[in-house]
Amino acid sequence: MLLQILKKRSGQSYAALARRTYISSSTLHRYCTGKARIPDAAVLTSIARACGATDQEILEVTQAWLADQEPASIQEPASTPPAVPAHPNPAARGKPLRRGVVLIAVAALLLTAVGPPGAPPVPAPPQWVSGPSWVVAPMPVASARFGVTMNADTGEMPGFRVGAVRFWDSGTRWTQLEPRRGEYDWTVADRLVKGAQRAGLPALFVIGGTPAWAAPNAPRMAYPDGSRAAPPDDLADWERFVRALAQRYRGRVEGYELWPVGNDSRFYTGDTATLVEMTRRANRIIKRADPKAIVVCPGMGRLWSAEGRELLRRFAETGGYEHCDVASIKLHQRIASDPPETVLTILAAAYRTMHQAGVHPPVWSTGTTHDIVLQQPLDEARAIDHAVRFYLTGLYGSASSNLQRTYFYAWGSANLPVVLQAEGGAPTRAALAVEQLQRWLAHAQVRACGQGAAIRLPANVWQCEFTMPDVAGRYPSAVLRWTHTGTASTPAPPGATQVHKLDGTSTPVASGDSLDITTRPVLVTGR
């Protein structure tokens, strides 16, 4: 394969290329050896450029790649977000390909040139664009961005700083609150709502889990309480419950999410039209009972799969987002040990799907995959890094994809890959690092985020720019920097005076000094 020859010629290891392309070394190995299909031309170009390929060589490898493609209406996203193409390896650029490689490339070119009529044209390498991924007028970093889902029913709130709470897996499913038609048990819900009020935290109440009496023949949901994964046989039962809930918590609950996951058969087995109708009815009822309440559309997960994205598209095209204030999606890595930044791939895919359907709602990230409890725990160092970068990745996606809030899953449980606080225990170091991040950004205004060579930094470096008030009432610039993998040496930004770490320590720095950036974010402030 041409790509494997380019890789060998570059003299770089898979680990080195991984740091430059933002693709894991194992995935790179499968791509270069032909054991896995490269998902799109942007990923292919990124790898080729990192290997030092010339523009002509990139064209040739792209032609060969296109010749191997099978038509597909929906393509899987890359396993990682396509990185900004890294600067080519100067030592490799310009070296001629061996004669055999030239013959292969020419053969690929001829095959493409004489392909069947109507074959798609060969795309040129993507245009190089410098600058941050996005720039906006400085906007405040809302505290509610730092949300957690509550995995406990006691009413206790997190013992570290958070900005919002979400009630699910907390003893508040529909079947638990209305065990028999018209008979309500608000004990647990009251406890949780009062706890959130005492802590001054906005609460998002998730409605889902049809009682068995309302859909006796429906499949069970993925819980032991008998919840059904289907709509009720009579939607009047849904209306009565939503009305009772919204009237009881008027002015005390910030918003309602109208089903935990609407495109996963473990949670919902009904059709899209019924889900849209449930959303329409619930929105009307909630707005009458509590006009200020935020109505969040049913959650959409499984976005790493074409099927999950297709069901999201159907919901959007059927008019589902016309009946809510916010879209809910489940942003998570393929596996918990992957870099948190990989979720930007499915965030972009969700945004494109909504855009194609002509809808542009604000987006909240409200959860993870149901399989998260089966995944291996992270070591403490990585847990700290991932917890903080979970929220930073949400901030990174705010302007480009309208992502306005993120809820970490979950508070209270000790059986997850990353634990912030088990109920009855103290906050973990990961939780304290998240708290430190919130202190840094409490009065900050974000104005830009970017990554890699486009912002004149190494390919594995990410950065968000802020203004932050100082003791004199001025708003000097500050930056948060981190890597998704490995380390990188970067120059301190102009005017830099201090580097702050998540453990609360800081060191002086001057503009132009070398800063070693790692997977643990640091804040650089200045005059």
Protein backbone atom coordinates (compact mmCIF):
# COMPACT_ATOMS: atom_id res chain seq x y z
CA MET A 1 0.00 0.00 0.00
CA LEU A 2 1.30 3.44 -0.90
CA LEU A 3 0.65 4.83 2.57
CA GLN A 4 2.77 2.14 4.22
CA ILE A 5 5.67 2.97 1.87
CA LEU A 6 5.36 6.67 2.73
CA LYS A 7 5.38 5.77 6.41
CA LYS A 8 8.53 3.63 6.07
CA ARG A 9 10.28 6.33 4.04
CA SER A 10 9.54 8.94 6.70
CA GLY A 11 11.55 7.01 9.30
CA GLN A 12 8.94 7.81 11.95
CA SER A 13 7.44 5.32 14.39
CA TYR A 14 3.69 4.84 14.64
CA ALA A 15 3.83 6.48 18.07
CA ALA A 16 5.51 9.57 16.60
CA LEU A 17 2.95 9.79 13.80
CA ALA A 18 0.14 9.34 16.33
CA ARG A 19 1.25 12.49 18.12
CA ARG A 20 1.18 14.43 14.86
CA THR A 21 -2.08 13.14 13.41
CA TYR A 22 -4.23 12.66 16.51
CA ILE A 23 -4.87 9.03 15.60
CA SER A 24 -3.89 6.19 17.91
CA SER A 25 -0.77 4.25 16.92
CA SER A 26 -2.72 0.98 16.68
CA THR A 27 -5.28 2.57 14.35
CA LEU A 28 -2.48 4.10 12.26
CA HIS A 29 -0.88 0.68 11.93
CA ARG A 30 -4.14 -0.81 10.67
CA TYR A 31 -4.60 2.05 8.20
CA CYS A 32 -1.06 1.88 6.82
CA THR A 33 -1.05 -1.91 6.48
CA GLY A 34 -4.49 -1.98 4.88
CA LYS A 35 -6.10 -3.93 7.74
CA ALA A 36 -8.63 -1.15 8.35
CA ARG A 37 -10.45 1.17 5.98
CA ILE A 38 -9.48 4.85 6.15
CA PRO A 39 -12.80 6.66 6.67
CA ASP A 40 -12.31 9.84 4.65
CA ALA A 41 -9.88 11.84 2.53
CA ALA A 42 -9.11 14.32 5.30
CA VAL A 43 -7.73 11.57 7.54
CA LEU A 44 -5.75 10.12 4.63
CA THR A 45 -4.25 13.52 3.77
CA SER A 46 -3.35 14.19 7.40
CA ILE A 47 -1.37 10.93 7.62
CA ALA A 48 0.34 11.46 4.25
CA ARG A 49 1.41 15.00 5.14
CA ALA A 50 2.80 13.85 8.49
CA CYS A 51 4.86 11.29 6.55
CA GLY A 52 6.35 14.09 4.43
CA ALA A 53 4.43 13.43 1.23
CA THR A 54 4.52 15.99 -1.57
CA ASP A 55 1.31 17.36 -3.07
CA GLN A 56 1.72 15.04 -6.05
CA GLU A 57 2.20 12.04 -3.78
CA ILE A 58 -0.91 13.02 -1.80
CA LEU A 59 -2.87 13.15 -5.04
CA GLU A 60 -1.59 9.70 -6.00
CA VAL A 61 -2.37 8.11 -2.64
CA THR A 62 -5.82 9.71 -2.69
CA GLN A 63 -6.50 8.28 -6.15
CA ALA A 64 -5.48 4.83 -4.96
CA TRP A 65 -7.69 5.20 -1.89
CA LEU A 66 -10.68 6.25 -4.01
CA ALA A 67 -10.21 3.28 -6.29
CA ASP A 68 -10.72 0.96 -3.32
CA GLN A 69 -13.85 2.64 -1.98
CA GLU A 70 -17.28 1.05 -2.11
CA PRO A 71 -20.28 3.35 -2.52
CA ALA A 72 -21.94 4.12 0.80
CA SER A 73 -24.69 6.56 1.60
CA ILE A 74 -23.53 6.98 5.18
CA GLN A 75 -19.86 6.71 6.13
CA GLU A 76 -18.59 5.98 9.60
CA PRO A 77 -16.75 8.92 11.18
CA ALA A 78 -13.04 8.73 11.81
CA SER A 79 -12.07 7.05 15.07
CA THR A 80 -10.58 10.41 16.00
CA PRO A 81 -11.33 13.93 14.79
CA PRO A 82 -9.32 14.76 11.67
CA ALA A 83 -6.40 16.83 12.84
CA VAL A 84 -5.08 19.95 11.19
CA PRO A 85 -2.47 18.56 8.77
CA ALA A 86 0.92 18.53 10.46
CA HIS A 87 3.87 20.24 8.88
CA PRO A 88 5.70 17.70 6.70
CA ASN A 89 8.90 16.09 7.93
CA PRO A 90 11.65 18.20 6.34
CA ALA A 91 14.00 15.23 6.26
CA ALA A 92 11.55 13.20 4.23
CA ARG A 93 10.06 15.82 1.88
CA GLY A 94 11.35 15.74 -1.67
CA LYS A 95 12.92 12.27 -1.58
CA PRO A 96 11.82 10.41 -4.72
CA LEU A 97 9.57 7.38 -4.42
CA ARG A 98 11.15 4.11 -5.49
CA ARG A 99 10.41 2.93 -9.06
CA GLY A 100 7.97 0.31 -7.82
CA VAL A 101 6.00 2.89 -5.92
CA VAL A 102 5.83 5.12 -8.98
CA LEU A 103 4.47 2.20 -11.01
CA ILE A 104 1.82 1.49 -8.37
CA ALA A 105 0.86 5.16 -8.23
CA VAL A 106 0.66 5.38 -12.02
CA ALA A 107 -1.45 2.23 -12.10
CA ALA A 108 -3.81 3.74 -9.52
CA LEU A 109 -3.96 6.92 -11.58
CA LEU A 110 -4.80 4.99 -14.75
CA LEU A 111 -7.43 2.89 -12.99
CA THR A 112 -9.07 6.03 -11.71
CA ALA A 113 -8.79 7.82 -15.06
CA VAL A 114 -10.48 4.99 -16.97
CA GLY A 115 -13.05 4.24 -14.30
CA PRO A 116 -16.71 3.83 -15.08
CA PRO A 117 -18.64 6.81 -16.46
CA GLY A 118 -19.96 9.03 -13.73
CA ALA A 119 -17.24 8.09 -11.25
CA PRO A 120 -16.65 10.88 -8.70
CA PRO A 121 -13.74 13.23 -9.42
CA VAL A 122 -10.56 12.84 -7.43
CA PRO A 123 -10.51 15.49 -4.67
CA ALA A 124 -7.48 17.71 -4.33
CA PRO A 125 -5.78 17.92 -0.93
CA PRO A 126 -7.82 20.06 1.51
CA GLN A 127 -7.08 23.77 1.53
CA TRP A 128 -4.66 24.86 4.22
CA VAL A 129 -6.29 27.35 6.60
CA SER A 130 -4.44 28.92 9.51
CA GLY A 131 -5.92 30.32 12.69
CA PRO A 132 -8.05 29.02 15.57
CA SER A 133 -10.92 26.62 14.97
CA TRP A 134 -13.23 29.44 15.98
CA VAL A 135 -13.09 33.04 17.23
CA VAL A 136 -15.95 34.95 18.88
CA ALA A 137 -16.47 38.13 20.80
CA PRO A 138 -15.50 37.27 24.41
CA MET A 139 -18.35 35.35 26.04
CA PRO A 140 -18.71 34.26 29.69
CA VAL A 141 -18.07 30.64 30.66
CA ALA A 142 -21.37 29.71 32.30
CA SER A 143 -21.08 27.73 35.53
CA ALA A 144 -23.86 25.40 34.32
CA ARG A 145 -21.43 24.01 31.72
CA PHE A 146 -20.00 21.89 34.53
CA GLY A 147 -22.89 19.49 35.09
CA VAL A 148 -23.08 15.99 36.59
CA THR A 149 -25.72 13.25 36.39
CA MET A 150 -26.81 12.09 39.84
CA ASN A 151 -26.41 8.34 40.39
CA ALA A 152 -27.92 8.35 43.90
CA ASP A 153 -31.32 8.79 45.48
CA THR A 154 -30.39 10.22 48.88
CA GLY A 155 -30.63 13.90 48.02
CA GLU A 156 -26.97 14.47 48.87
CA MET A 157 -25.19 16.77 46.42
CA PRO A 158 -21.57 16.67 45.20
CA GLY A 159 -18.92 17.60 47.76
CA PHE A 160 -16.98 19.60 45.18
CA ARG A 161 -17.91 22.49 42.93
CA VAL A 162 -20.32 21.73 40.06
CA GLY A 163 -22.65 23.96 38.08
CA ALA A 164 -25.74 21.80 37.38
CA VAL A 165 -27.26 18.40 38.18
CA ARG A 166 -29.27 15.92 36.13
CA PHE A 167 -31.60 13.31 37.62
CA TRP A 168 -31.36 9.86 36.02
CA ASP A 169 -30.34 6.54 37.56
CA SER A 170 -31.41 8.26 40.76
CA GLY A 171 -34.65 6.49 41.61
CA THR A 172 -36.73 8.90 39.56
CA ARG A 173 -37.85 6.90 36.53
CA TRP A 174 -41.52 7.17 35.61
CA THR A 175 -42.23 3.62 36.82
CA GLN A 176 -40.75 4.49 40.23
CA LEU A 177 -42.72 7.71 40.58
CA GLU A 178 -46.06 6.30 39.39
CA PRO A 179 -46.05 2.59 40.33
CA ARG A 180 -49.83 2.39 39.67
CA ARG A 181 -51.95 4.53 37.39
CA GLY A 182 -52.76 7.80 39.17
CA GLU A 183 -50.83 6.88 42.36
CA TYR A 184 -47.66 8.91 42.78
CA ASP A 185 -44.70 8.49 45.09
CA TRP A 186 -42.68 11.72 45.08
CA THR A 187 -40.46 10.81 48.05
CA VAL A 188 -37.18 10.40 46.17
CA ALA A 189 -37.84 13.16 43.65
CA ASP A 190 -38.71 15.63 46.44
CA ARG A 191 -35.49 14.74 48.22
CA LEU A 192 -33.38 15.33 45.13
CA VAL A 193 -35.09 18.57 44.15
CA LYS A 194 -34.71 19.95 47.69
CA GLY A 195 -31.04 18.94 47.72
CA ALA A 196 -30.40 20.77 44.46
CA GLN A 197 -32.25 23.84 45.74
CA ARG A 198 -30.19 23.91 48.94
CA ALA A 199 -27.01 23.73 46.87
CA GLY A 200 -28.23 26.41 44.47
CA LEU A 201 -27.91 24.06 41.50
CA PRO A 202 -30.19 24.05 38.43
CA ALA A 203 -31.75 20.60 38.03
CA LEU A 204 -32.58 18.73 34.81
CA PHE A 205 -35.26 16.07 35.36
CA VAL A 206 -35.16 13.16 32.87
CA ILE A 207 -38.57 11.64 32.08
CA GLY A 208 -38.46 8.02 30.94
CA GLY A 209 -39.08 4.40 31.86
CA THR A 210 -42.69 3.56 31.07
CA PRO A 211 -44.43 1.67 33.91
CA ALA A 212 -45.41 -1.93 33.19
CA TRP A 213 -49.07 -1.12 33.80
CA ALA A 214 -48.97 1.41 30.92
CA ALA A 215 -47.31 -0.94 28.39
CA PRO A 216 -47.58 -4.50 29.75
CA ASN A 217 -46.50 -6.25 26.54
CA ALA A 218 -43.59 -3.94 25.71
CA PRO A 219 -39.90 -4.90 25.98
CA ARG A 220 -38.21 -4.12 29.26
CA MET A 221 -35.77 -1.26 29.54
CA ALA A 222 -32.18 -2.02 30.56
CA TYR A 223 -33.00 -1.69 34.30
CA PRO A 224 -34.16 -4.10 37.01
CA ASP A 225 -37.25 -2.09 38.04
CA GLY A 226 -39.55 -3.33 35.29
CA SER A 227 -39.44 -0.11 33.24
CA ARG A 228 -40.60 -0.56 29.67
CA ALA A 229 -38.64 0.69 26.67
CA ALA A 230 -41.74 1.49 24.64
CA PRO A 231 -44.19 4.37 24.73
CA PRO A 232 -47.34 3.77 26.80
CA ASP A 233 -50.15 2.06 24.95
CA ASP A 234 -52.24 5.17 25.58
CA LEU A 235 -50.39 8.49 25.29
CA ALA A 236 -52.92 10.00 27.68
CA ASP A 237 -51.00 8.23 30.45
CA TRP A 238 -47.85 10.06 29.33
CA GLU A 239 -49.68 13.38 29.33
CA ARG A 240 -51.07 12.88 32.85
CA PHE A 241 -47.66 12.01 34.28
CA VAL A 242 -45.85 14.91 32.58
CA ARG A 243 -48.55 17.31 33.80
CA ALA A 244 -48.34 16.05 37.39
CA LEU A 245 -44.53 16.31 37.36
CA ALA A 246 -44.38 19.80 35.86
CA GLN A 247 -47.05 21.18 38.16
CA ARG A 248 -45.39 19.75 41.27
CA TYR A 249 -41.95 21.16 40.50
CA ARG A 250 -42.94 24.43 38.84
CA GLY A 251 -40.17 26.97 39.46
CA ARG A 252 -38.01 24.41 41.30
CA VAL A 253 -36.69 22.36 38.37
CA GLU A 254 -34.84 24.15 35.57
CA GLY A 255 -35.73 21.77 32.80
CA TYR A 256 -37.05 18.39 31.63
CA GLU A 257 -35.34 15.93 29.27
CA LEU A 258 -38.13 14.02 27.49
CA TRP A 259 -36.51 10.57 27.29
CA PRO A 260 -32.99 9.42 28.21
CA VAL A 261 -32.10 7.88 24.82
CA GLY A 262 -34.50 7.88 21.89
CA ASN A 263 -32.41 6.01 19.31
CA ASP A 264 -31.28 2.92 21.27
CA SER A 265 -33.61 -0.09 21.55
CA ARG A 266 -32.43 -0.74 25.09
CA PHE A 267 -34.21 2.49 26.03
CA TYR A 268 -36.81 3.09 23.31
CA THR A 269 -38.43 0.65 20.88
CA GLY A 270 -41.21 2.82 19.52
CA ASP A 271 -41.18 4.55 16.16
CA THR A 272 -39.86 8.04 15.46
CA ALA A 273 -43.28 9.52 14.77
CA THR A 274 -44.52 8.47 18.22
CA LEU A 275 -41.41 9.89 19.88
CA VAL A 276 -42.00 13.22 18.12
CA GLU A 277 -45.63 13.19 19.20
CA MET A 278 -44.64 12.46 22.83
CA THR A 279 -42.22 15.38 22.61
CA ARG A 280 -44.87 17.69 21.16
CA ARG A 281 -47.41 16.84 23.85
CA ALA A 282 -44.93 17.07 26.71
CA ASN A 283 -43.61 20.42 25.51
CA ARG A 284 -47.12 21.88 25.39
CA ILE A 285 -47.97 20.61 28.88
CA ILE A 286 -44.71 21.74 30.49
CA LYS A 287 -44.83 25.22 28.98
CA ARG A 288 -48.40 25.69 30.26
CA ALA A 289 -47.48 24.53 33.76
CA ASP A 290 -44.10 26.28 33.95
CA PRO A 291 -43.41 28.73 31.09
CA LYS A 292 -39.81 29.31 32.19
CA ALA A 293 -38.88 25.61 32.19
CA ILE A 294 -36.36 24.43 29.58
CA VAL A 295 -37.65 21.55 27.49
CA VAL A 296 -34.88 19.23 26.30
CA CYS A 297 -35.64 16.87 23.43
CA PRO A 298 -35.10 13.10 23.86
CA GLY A 299 -31.45 12.16 24.14
CA MET A 300 -29.71 10.79 21.07
CA GLY A 301 -26.85 8.33 21.53
CA ARG A 302 -25.00 5.69 19.52
CA LEU A 303 -23.57 8.46 17.37
CA TRP A 304 -20.47 6.44 16.56
CA SER A 305 -22.76 4.22 14.45
CA ALA A 306 -24.43 5.02 11.14
CA GLU A 307 -27.70 3.63 12.53
CA GLY A 308 -27.61 5.99 15.50
CA ARG A 309 -27.01 9.00 13.27
CA GLU A 310 -29.76 7.87 10.90
CA LEU A 311 -32.31 7.78 13.75
CA LEU A 312 -31.15 11.25 14.82
CA ARG A 313 -31.74 12.42 11.25
CA ARG A 314 -35.24 10.94 11.21
CA PHE A 315 -36.16 12.66 14.46
CA ALA A 316 -34.90 15.99 13.12
CA GLU A 317 -36.60 15.66 9.72
CA THR A 318 -39.88 14.57 11.34
CA GLY A 319 -39.97 17.87 13.21
CA GLY A 320 -38.92 16.69 16.66
CA TYR A 321 -36.73 19.71 17.37
CA GLU A 322 -39.63 22.06 16.70
CA HIS A 323 -41.04 21.06 20.10
CA CYS A 324 -38.16 21.69 22.48
CA ASP A 325 -35.64 24.34 23.50
CA VAL A 326 -32.50 22.18 23.51
CA ALA A 327 -31.17 19.07 21.75
CA SER A 328 -29.71 16.32 23.92
CA ILE A 329 -26.91 14.09 22.60
CA LYS A 330 -24.64 11.54 24.26
CA LEU A 331 -21.01 12.51 23.70
CA HIS A 332 -18.52 9.85 24.71
CA GLN A 333 -15.35 8.22 23.45
CA ARG A 334 -15.55 4.84 21.73
CA ILE A 335 -13.87 3.46 24.84
CA ALA A 336 -13.21 5.37 28.05
CA SER A 337 -9.42 5.29 27.63
CA ASP A 338 -9.56 7.16 24.30
CA PRO A 339 -8.73 10.90 24.44
CA PRO A 340 -11.79 12.98 25.39
CA GLU A 341 -11.16 15.12 22.31
CA THR A 342 -12.31 12.23 20.10
CA VAL A 343 -15.93 13.13 20.92
CA LEU A 344 -15.56 16.17 18.66
CA THR A 345 -15.96 13.73 15.76
CA ILE A 346 -19.47 12.67 16.74
CA LEU A 347 -20.36 16.20 17.85
CA ALA A 348 -19.53 17.41 14.33
CA ALA A 349 -21.48 14.50 12.83
CA ALA A 350 -24.53 15.36 14.94
CA TYR A 351 -24.26 19.03 13.99
CA ARG A 352 -24.05 18.16 10.28
CA THR A 353 -27.07 15.87 10.58
CA MET A 354 -29.14 18.62 12.21
CA HIS A 355 -27.90 21.19 9.72
CA GLN A 356 -28.97 18.98 6.81
CA ALA A 357 -32.41 18.74 8.41
CA GLY A 358 -32.55 22.53 8.71
CA VAL A 359 -32.48 22.73 12.52
CA HIS A 360 -29.90 24.43 14.74
CA PRO A 361 -30.92 24.01 18.38
CA PRO A 362 -28.61 24.63 21.34
CA VAL A 363 -26.99 21.32 22.28
CA TRP A 364 -26.43 19.74 25.68
CA SER A 365 -24.24 16.68 26.20
CA THR A 366 -26.28 14.65 28.66
CA GLY A 367 -24.64 11.29 29.09
CA THR A 368 -22.59 8.40 27.86
CA THR A 369 -23.02 4.86 26.55
CA HIS A 370 -24.95 2.25 28.51
CA ASP A 371 -21.85 0.05 28.31
CA ILE A 372 -19.70 2.47 30.30
CA VAL A 373 -19.98 0.33 33.45
CA LEU A 374 -18.34 -2.58 31.61
CA GLN A 375 -15.18 -0.65 30.75
CA GLN A 376 -11.91 -0.76 32.64
CA PRO A 377 -11.11 1.92 35.24
CA LEU A 378 -8.47 4.49 34.36
CA ASP A 379 -5.41 4.99 36.52
CA GLU A 380 -5.46 8.06 38.73
CA ALA A 381 -3.28 10.27 36.52
CA ARG A 382 -5.34 9.58 33.43
CA ALA A 383 -8.61 9.93 35.38
CA ILE A 384 -7.57 13.46 36.40
CA ASP A 385 -6.63 14.38 32.84
CA HIS A 386 -9.78 12.93 31.29
CA ALA A 387 -12.18 14.47 33.81
CA VAL A 388 -10.84 17.97 33.22
CA ARG A 389 -10.58 17.57 29.47
CA PHE A 390 -14.14 16.23 29.32
CA TYR A 391 -15.32 19.72 30.22
CA LEU A 392 -12.67 21.50 28.15
CA THR A 393 -13.69 19.51 25.09
CA GLY A 394 -17.24 20.66 25.70
CA LEU A 395 -16.02 24.24 25.77
CA TYR A 396 -13.98 23.63 22.60
CA GLY A 397 -17.16 22.54 20.81
CA SER A 398 -19.26 25.44 22.05
CA ALA A 399 -18.96 27.89 19.15
CA SER A 400 -18.53 25.47 16.26
CA SER A 401 -21.41 23.14 17.18
CA ASN A 402 -23.51 25.19 19.64
CA LEU A 403 -22.65 22.87 22.55
CA GLN A 404 -23.70 24.80 25.63
CA ARG A 405 -23.62 22.33 28.51
CA THR A 406 -22.02 19.01 29.49
CA TYR A 407 -23.11 16.55 32.17
CA PHE A 408 -20.48 14.12 33.45
CA TYR A 409 -21.73 10.60 34.09
CA ALA A 410 -22.01 10.16 36.99
CA TRP A 411 -21.84 11.42 40.54
CA GLY A 412 -22.27 8.88 43.35
CA SER A 413 -21.07 5.69 41.65
CA ALA A 414 -17.74 3.99 42.35
CA ASN A 415 -18.02 1.54 39.43
CA LEU A 416 -17.07 3.71 36.48
CA PRO A 417 -13.83 4.25 34.51
CA VAL A 418 -13.53 7.77 35.99
CA VAL A 419 -14.97 8.44 39.45
CA LEU A 420 -15.49 11.96 40.72
CA GLN A 421 -17.01 11.06 44.06
CA ALA A 422 -18.60 7.90 45.39
CA GLU A 423 -21.55 8.63 47.63
CA GLY A 424 -20.37 8.68 51.22
CA GLY A 425 -16.75 9.23 50.18
CA ALA A 426 -14.56 12.25 49.60
CA PRO A 427 -14.10 13.88 46.19
CA THR A 428 -11.35 12.20 44.19
CA ARG A 429 -8.32 14.04 42.88
CA ALA A 430 -10.08 14.09 39.50
CA ALA A 431 -13.03 15.92 41.10
CA LEU A 432 -10.72 18.42 42.81
CA ALA A 433 -9.02 19.09 39.47
CA VAL A 434 -12.43 19.77 37.90
CA GLU A 435 -13.14 22.15 40.78
CA GLN A 436 -9.86 23.96 40.12
CA LEU A 437 -10.77 24.34 36.45
CA GLN A 438 -14.06 25.94 37.47
CA ARG A 439 -12.25 28.38 39.77
CA TRP A 440 -9.99 29.40 36.91
CA LEU A 441 -12.92 30.04 34.59
CA ALA A 442 -15.45 31.45 37.09
CA HIS A 443 -15.11 35.01 35.77
CA ALA A 444 -13.38 34.28 32.48
CA GLN A 445 -14.59 35.05 29.00
CA VAL A 446 -13.61 32.67 26.21
CA ARG A 447 -12.81 34.11 22.78
CA ALA A 448 -11.08 31.40 20.72
CA CYS A 449 -10.02 27.75 20.62
CA GLY A 450 -7.70 25.96 18.21
CA GLN A 451 -5.33 23.08 17.75
CA GLY A 452 -1.98 22.24 16.21
CA ALA A 453 -0.11 23.79 13.32
CA ALA A 454 -2.98 26.10 12.40
CA ILE A 455 -2.27 28.11 15.57
CA ARG A 456 1.51 27.67 15.29
CA LEU A 457 1.71 24.95 17.93
CA PRO A 458 2.70 21.28 17.70
CA ALA A 459 0.05 19.01 16.21
CA ASN A 460 -0.87 17.40 19.54
CA VAL A 461 -1.44 20.71 21.37
CA TRP A 462 -4.88 22.22 22.02
CA GLN A 463 -5.50 25.74 23.25
CA CYS A 464 -8.38 27.98 24.32
CA GLU A 465 -7.93 31.72 24.78
CA PHE A 466 -9.64 33.81 27.47
CA THR A 467 -9.71 37.18 29.11
CA MET A 468 -9.66 37.02 32.91
CA PRO A 469 -10.10 39.85 35.41
CA ASP A 470 -7.13 40.72 37.61
CA VAL A 471 -7.06 42.48 40.98
CA ALA A 472 -6.81 45.86 39.24
CA GLY A 473 -10.04 45.26 37.32
CA ARG A 474 -8.29 44.77 34.00
CA TYR A 475 -8.91 41.84 31.64
CA PRO A 476 -5.54 40.48 30.50
CA SER A 477 -5.29 37.52 28.15
CA ALA A 478 -4.86 33.95 29.34
CA VAL A 479 -4.64 30.58 27.62
CA LEU A 480 -5.36 26.99 28.59
CA ARG A 481 -3.07 24.48 26.89
CA TRP A 482 -2.95 20.70 26.85
CA THR A 483 -2.15 17.75 24.60
CA HIS A 484 -4.36 14.83 23.65
CA THR A 485 -1.33 12.54 23.84
CA GLY A 486 2.35 12.84 24.75
CA THR A 487 4.20 16.05 25.50
CA ALA A 488 5.18 19.09 23.48
CA SER A 489 7.47 22.08 23.90
CA THR A 490 5.72 25.39 23.18
CA PRO A 491 6.68 29.06 23.56
CA ALA A 492 4.94 31.01 26.31
CA PRO A 493 2.46 33.45 24.76
CA PRO A 494 3.18 37.19 24.63
CA GLY A 495 2.83 38.88 28.00
CA ALA A 496 2.85 35.60 29.96
CA THR A 497 3.84 35.86 33.63
CA GLN A 498 2.53 32.74 35.42
CA VAL A 499 1.83 29.08 34.68
CA HIS A 500 -0.90 27.64 36.93
CA LYS A 501 -1.34 23.91 37.51
CA LEU A 502 -4.42 21.98 38.54
CA ASP A 503 -2.86 21.10 41.90
CA GLY A 504 -2.99 24.79 42.83
CA THR A 505 0.69 25.56 42.34
CA SER A 506 2.11 28.13 39.93
CA THR A 507 5.50 29.13 38.55
CA PRO A 508 6.71 32.36 36.93
CA VAL A 509 7.26 32.47 33.20
CA ALA A 510 8.23 35.09 30.63
CA SER A 511 7.05 35.60 27.09
CA GLY A 512 8.88 33.23 24.75
CA ASP A 513 10.04 30.85 27.48
CA SER A 514 9.74 27.18 26.64
CA LEU A 515 6.66 25.52 28.19
CA ASP A 516 6.40 21.75 28.32
CA ILE A 517 2.73 20.87 27.70
CA THR A 518 1.30 17.48 28.67
CA THR A 519 -2.08 15.76 28.78
CA ARG A 520 -2.81 17.68 31.99
CA PRO A 521 -4.06 21.19 31.12
CA VAL A 522 -2.27 24.28 32.44
CA LEU A 523 -3.41 27.88 32.59
CA VAL A 524 -1.00 30.58 31.43
CA THR A 525 -1.85 34.09 32.59
CA GLY A 526 -0.20 37.41 31.84
CA ARG A 527 -0.30 41.13 32.20
